[in-house]
Amino acid sequence: MTVTLLKETSQSPPPPAGLPPDRGPGRRRLLTALLFVLPALLLLGALVVYPVLFSVGRSFFDASGDRFVGGENYTEMFRDPATLKAVRNTAIWVVVAPTLLTGLGLILAVLTEKIRWATAFKLLLFMPMAVSFLAAGIIFRLAYDDDPDKGVLNAAAVSVHDVFEGTSSYPTARAREGQGLTREGDGSYRTSATVGPGTPLTLGLIGVLPADIPAGAEPAGAATGTGQGLSGVVYLDFTRGGGGEQGRVDPGESGLPEMKVEAVRDGRTLATTTTASDGSFRFDDLTEGTYEVRLPAANFAPPYEGVSWLGPALVTPAIIGAYLWIWTGFAMVLTGAGLSALPRDALEAARMDGANEWQIFRRITVPLLAPVLSVVFITLVINVMKVFDLVYIIAPGPVQQDATVLATQMWLVSFGGGNNQGLGSALGVLLLLLVVPAMVFNVRRFRRSQR
C-alpha cells in the first residue's frame, strides 16, 4: 500500500485573481499612529503655524488692519531709529552673550573635572536655570539699584571705593558769606586774606548734618596764636537753640575734626594737616611770610554713590550679565556631557608624550569638543534672539529704548503704546527670518550626529 504524505505550508493561499491584496494591518497601524499624533499636530497648528501665517499676512496691512499697504511696514521698520537701535542691540546680544557663555561653560566644565565636589558645584551653577526670567529680572533690578542701601552691587562698589579712596568728611558743609572764606571753582575754600605765623584763624562753617559730625567731636576751642606757628580752629558756626555770634566761637559750638587744612603760598601747598577732635589745627614748621589757608575740596565732595548700572551706557551689558548668571549652568552641563564622552586614551597619550595641560586643552580637548560647542553656541544664539523678559523687567522706563531688542520692540510697537500691529507683525517676521537659519543649522547638526 502506497501512502502519500502532503507537506503542509504555513503560507496562506493567494487571493483569487482580480482581488486586491489585504492591507488591513498596515492601514490600522497608520491610523493608530495618526490618532496619537493628531493632538500634537492640532496644537502645533494652532499655536505655531497659524500665528506665523497670520503674522505674515498682517504685516502687509496698516495699523488698523483694514488697508493693504504691501511692503510699507518693512520699509518703515528700517527707517525707524528705535528699530535700528533694537537691531544693533540684538546684534550685540548675539555676538557677546553666546560667546561668553560657551567659553565659560567650556572652562567650568574642564575645571570641575579637577575638583572633588564636582557634582555639588555643577548643581550650584545650574540652580539659576530653575528661576524664571521674571523672578531673575526682579532680582537683578534690585541688585543694580543706584541706591547703595538697596543695590548690592553698588554697596560693594562703595565699600571698595571708600577703602582705597576714602570719603569726604562734610559733604553738605559751606561757609557763610563775608566771614573770611572764599569758595574756589573746584569746591575748596580759602581765606580771603593772607595771614602770617602767630595770627589765629577761626574758620566757621554751616550746613553740617548732625550725622556727619564724628562721634568723638569736642566743643570748639578758641583759636590762639603763639610763637611762629600758624594755628586756628575749624568749627560749626551754629548754636543749638539759637543765639551766639556769627564768626566767633561761642560756648557749645562743636569743632569739626578730621578736616584737611593746607597752608598755601603763591598757589603751592607747603604744608598739610588735619584738625583735632576740637577742630583745632597748627602748622609749626612754616618759614617767615604770609600764607593762605585752604580747606581742600575733598572735605566737601559728595559721597561716592557707586556705578549707574542701569544708565544708558551700561544697561545692555548689565542685562547680559543677568543672562549669563542664568545660562552659565546650561552651557557647563552640556559641555561637561561632551567632555565625559571624549576618548581618554588620546588625552593619556598626549600626557605620556610630554604635553602640558594647556597644550592638551588647546590642541586636543577643544578640537574634539567642537561639535558640542557649536551646538551650545547655536542654541544660545537662538535663545538670545528671543530674549524679552530680562530686558523688559530690568531696564527702567527712561532707558527702555536704550536697551530694547527686537522682541521688546515688537511688543512695544504692537501693544506697549504704539498700537501698530502691522509694523509689529513685520518685526515678528524679521525675527523669525533671523532665527530660522540657526534652527536649520542645529537640526542638521543633530541629524549628522545621529548618523
Foldseek 3Di string as FASTA:
>chain_A
DDDDDDDDDPDDDDDDPPDDDDPVVVVVVVVVVCVVCVVVVVCCCVPPVVVLVVLVVLLQAWLVSPHGNGCPLVVVLVVDPLNVLQAVLLVVCLPPLLVVLLVLLQVLLVVLVVDDPSVVVLCVLQVLLVPDLQVLLVVLLQLLDLFLVGHVQLVVQLVVCCVPPNAALFQQKDADPPLQWDADPLGKIKGPDWDFAQDEDEGEIERGDPVSADPLWDAADATGGDDRKYKYFYWHQDDPPDDDDGNGRDPPTIGRWQFKKFWDDPRDTDDIDTADSRRMDMDDPDDGDITMMMRDNRNRHDRDRGDNCQDLVRNSVSLSVSVSSNCSSVSNVLLSVQQVPDPVVVVVVCVVVPDDPVCCCVPPVCVSCVLSSLLSSLVSSLVSLQDDSNLVSNRDPVNSSSNHHLNNVLCCCCPVPVSISSSSSVSVVVSVVVSVVSVVVNVVSVVVVVD
